[in-house]
Protein backbone atom coordinates (compact mmCIF):
# COMPACT_ATOMS: atom_id res chain seq x y z
CA MET A 1 0.92 72.32 -71.64
CA GLU A 2 1.37 70.71 -74.70
CA LEU A 3 4.75 72.27 -74.95
CA LYS A 4 5.50 70.88 -71.28
CA LEU A 5 3.87 67.43 -72.00
CA ASN A 6 6.52 67.26 -74.90
CA GLU A 7 9.45 68.81 -73.34
CA LEU A 8 8.66 65.43 -70.11
CA SER A 9 8.77 63.49 -73.01
CA ASP A 10 11.84 64.37 -74.18
CA LYS A 11 13.96 64.43 -70.74
CA ASN A 12 12.05 60.65 -70.10
CA ASN A 13 13.89 59.60 -73.86
CA LEU A 14 17.36 60.87 -72.39
CA ASN A 15 16.44 59.57 -68.89
CA SER A 16 16.57 55.94 -70.61
CA HIS A 17 19.41 55.88 -72.50
CA HIS A 18 21.80 57.43 -69.26
CA GLY A 19 24.03 54.85 -69.00
CA GLU A 20 24.23 53.68 -72.31
CA HIS A 21 27.56 54.33 -72.07
CA ILE A 22 28.44 51.78 -69.22
CA ILE A 23 28.92 47.56 -69.77
CA LEU A 24 27.00 45.94 -67.32
CA ARG A 25 27.68 42.06 -66.93
CA LEU A 26 25.07 40.14 -65.35
CA THR A 27 24.84 36.49 -63.90
CA TYR A 28 21.72 34.93 -63.25
CA VAL A 29 20.49 31.56 -62.47
CA SER A 30 16.68 29.88 -62.74
CA ARG A 31 15.22 26.24 -63.10
CA TYR A 32 14.04 25.27 -66.04
CA ASN A 33 10.12 25.06 -66.90
CA THR A 34 9.87 21.17 -67.94
CA GLU A 35 7.04 21.69 -69.12
CA ASN A 36 8.87 23.41 -72.64
CA SER A 37 10.09 20.99 -75.06
CA ASN A 38 13.39 20.74 -76.65
CA ILE A 39 12.56 22.53 -79.25
CA GLU A 40 11.70 25.28 -77.10
CA VAL A 41 15.10 25.16 -75.74
CA ALA A 42 16.54 25.64 -79.56
CA ARG A 43 13.62 28.43 -80.01
CA ILE A 44 14.87 30.41 -77.06
CA LEU A 45 19.02 30.27 -78.36
CA GLU A 46 17.55 31.27 -81.47
CA GLN A 47 15.81 34.06 -80.37
CA ALA A 48 18.37 34.77 -77.84
CA GLN A 49 20.80 34.85 -80.27
CA ARG A 50 18.99 37.24 -82.85
CA ASN A 51 18.16 39.70 -80.05
CA ASN A 52 21.50 39.92 -78.73
CA GLU A 53 23.11 40.91 -81.44
CA ARG A 54 20.92 43.26 -82.74
CA ASN A 55 21.10 44.81 -78.92
CA GLY A 56 24.79 44.61 -78.59
CA ILE A 57 23.95 41.78 -76.28
CA THR A 58 27.28 38.91 -75.45
CA GLY A 59 27.24 36.19 -73.15
CA ALA A 60 26.81 32.46 -72.48
CA LEU A 61 24.66 30.26 -71.99
CA VAL A 62 24.54 26.87 -69.99
CA ILE A 63 21.87 24.60 -69.95
CA ASN A 64 21.01 20.97 -69.05
CA GLU A 65 17.72 19.33 -68.02
CA ASN A 66 16.58 21.41 -64.80
CA TYR A 67 18.65 24.81 -64.74
CA PHE A 68 19.46 27.89 -67.17
CA LEU A 69 22.71 29.59 -65.79
CA GLN A 70 23.67 32.50 -68.10
CA VAL A 71 26.07 35.73 -67.86
CA ILE A 72 25.41 38.88 -70.31
CA GLU A 73 26.77 41.76 -71.21
CA GLY A 74 25.69 45.24 -72.54
CA ALA A 75 24.91 48.46 -72.16
CA ARG A 76 23.45 49.23 -68.84
CA PRO A 77 19.91 50.32 -70.08
CA VAL A 78 19.73 46.90 -72.77
CA ILE A 79 20.39 44.28 -69.71
CA ASN A 80 18.34 46.25 -67.42
CA ASN A 81 15.11 46.14 -70.20
CA LEU A 82 16.48 42.50 -70.85
CA LEU A 83 16.31 41.27 -67.31
CA LYS A 84 12.42 42.66 -66.95
CA LYS A 85 11.74 40.31 -69.93
CA LEU A 86 14.06 37.21 -67.70
CA ILE A 87 11.73 37.84 -64.84
CA GLU A 88 8.68 37.79 -66.95
CA ASP A 89 8.81 34.85 -69.07
CA LYS A 90 7.47 32.12 -68.03
CA ARG A 91 10.12 29.13 -69.79
CA HIS A 92 12.14 29.25 -66.45
CA PHE A 93 11.37 30.36 -62.79
CA SER A 94 13.21 31.27 -59.60
CA LEU A 95 15.64 33.62 -61.16
CA GLN A 96 18.14 34.48 -58.81
CA ILE A 97 20.54 36.84 -59.75
CA ILE A 98 24.59 35.74 -58.48
CA GLU A 99 26.11 39.17 -59.76
CA CYS A 100 25.36 42.38 -61.25
CA ARG A 101 28.35 45.11 -62.36
CA GLU A 102 29.97 47.57 -64.29
CA ILE A 103 32.92 46.20 -66.35
CA GLU A 104 35.80 47.61 -68.45
CA GLU A 105 35.23 45.46 -70.98
CA ARG A 106 33.50 42.34 -72.51
CA TYR A 107 34.64 39.20 -71.86
CA TRP A 108 32.49 37.27 -73.50
CA ASN A 109 32.71 39.63 -76.82
CA LYS A 110 32.92 36.61 -79.28
CA TRP A 111 29.41 35.53 -78.79
CA SER A 112 26.08 37.12 -79.34
CA MET A 113 25.21 33.56 -77.24
CA LYS A 114 27.91 31.19 -76.76
CA TYR A 115 25.55 27.69 -75.82
CA LEU A 116 27.13 25.30 -73.91
CA THR A 117 25.89 22.13 -72.16
CA ALA A 118 26.51 20.77 -68.35
CA ASN A 119 26.09 17.07 -68.99
CA ASP A 120 28.03 13.93 -67.96
CA GLN A 121 31.20 14.83 -70.75
CA ASN A 122 31.82 17.57 -68.51
CA LYS A 123 30.92 16.05 -64.68
CA GLU A 124 34.59 16.72 -63.47
CA TYR A 125 34.18 20.16 -64.01
CA VAL A 126 31.14 19.79 -61.91
CA MET A 127 32.87 18.83 -59.05
CA LYS A 128 35.78 21.27 -59.18
CA TYR A 129 33.86 24.09 -59.21
CA SER A 130 30.92 22.94 -56.96
CA ALA A 131 30.64 20.72 -53.82
CA SER A 132 28.23 18.53 -55.61
CA ASN A 133 28.69 16.09 -58.30
CA GLU A 134 25.36 17.17 -59.87
CA PHE A 135 25.48 20.48 -61.65
CA ASN A 136 23.22 23.22 -59.61
CA PRO A 137 24.23 26.72 -60.27
CA TYR A 138 22.54 27.90 -57.05
CA LEU A 139 24.94 25.88 -54.51
CA MET A 140 28.23 27.85 -56.85
CA SER A 141 29.35 31.10 -55.82
CA THR A 142 30.04 33.81 -58.52
CA SER A 143 33.81 33.04 -58.94
CA GLN A 144 33.34 29.60 -59.02
CA ILE A 145 30.24 29.87 -61.57
CA THR A 146 33.00 32.24 -63.84
CA MET A 147 35.21 29.31 -63.35
CA PHE A 148 33.06 27.09 -64.30
CA ILE A 149 31.37 28.59 -67.54
CA ASP A 150 34.73 29.56 -68.42
CA LYS A 151 36.12 26.38 -68.74
CA LEU A 152 33.13 24.60 -70.59
CA SER A 153 34.03 27.78 -73.02
CA LYS A 154 37.37 26.80 -73.27
CA LEU A 155 36.69 23.03 -73.63
CA GLN A 156 33.61 23.59 -76.47
CA GLU A 157 36.60 25.59 -78.29
CA ARG A 158 39.02 22.91 -78.84
CA GLN A 159 36.26 20.55 -79.20
CA GLU A 160 35.43 22.89 -82.51
CA LYS A 161 38.77 23.51 -83.51
CA ARG A 162 39.06 19.54 -83.24
CA GLU A 163 36.33 18.72 -85.38
CA SER A 164 37.44 21.74 -88.24
CA LYS A 165 40.91 19.95 -88.10
CA MET A 166 39.09 16.59 -88.85
CA LYS A 167 37.20 18.36 -91.49
CA LYS A 168 39.67 19.52 -93.70
CA SER A 169 41.72 16.34 -93.55
């Protein structure tokens, strides 16, 4: 009997790693739990960056005072496990999966977690990729979300390059 239990355990371990060579991209939106403090947001970001780097997850996170919008990429079993944790996380609610698909290569491969904000400075892009002038990712299509995150990321990179040049001067 013990041998059969060991075989079953080994079989379960093999199944848990099944698909680890397949990269998934998961995009979701959720509402920010306003009982969180700003310190909690910083802690969420720091924890995500640390855990994601350890688990081979890359992605981008857009936050404002009401919403989380996140794209994460990684091995299928890793993303599935992370999704379970995200669903149970009380720091946000109303989680909706926008897209989950297999991809050939990572788009966000430079960052364990790229942190972006939807704010007044980039309001024109909210208008460009949304039917509203207020950031509400629930009202955006998958392609609008992708273009919006990409645009915010490029804007941030340009800003960081300008700041870096100014420091060197």
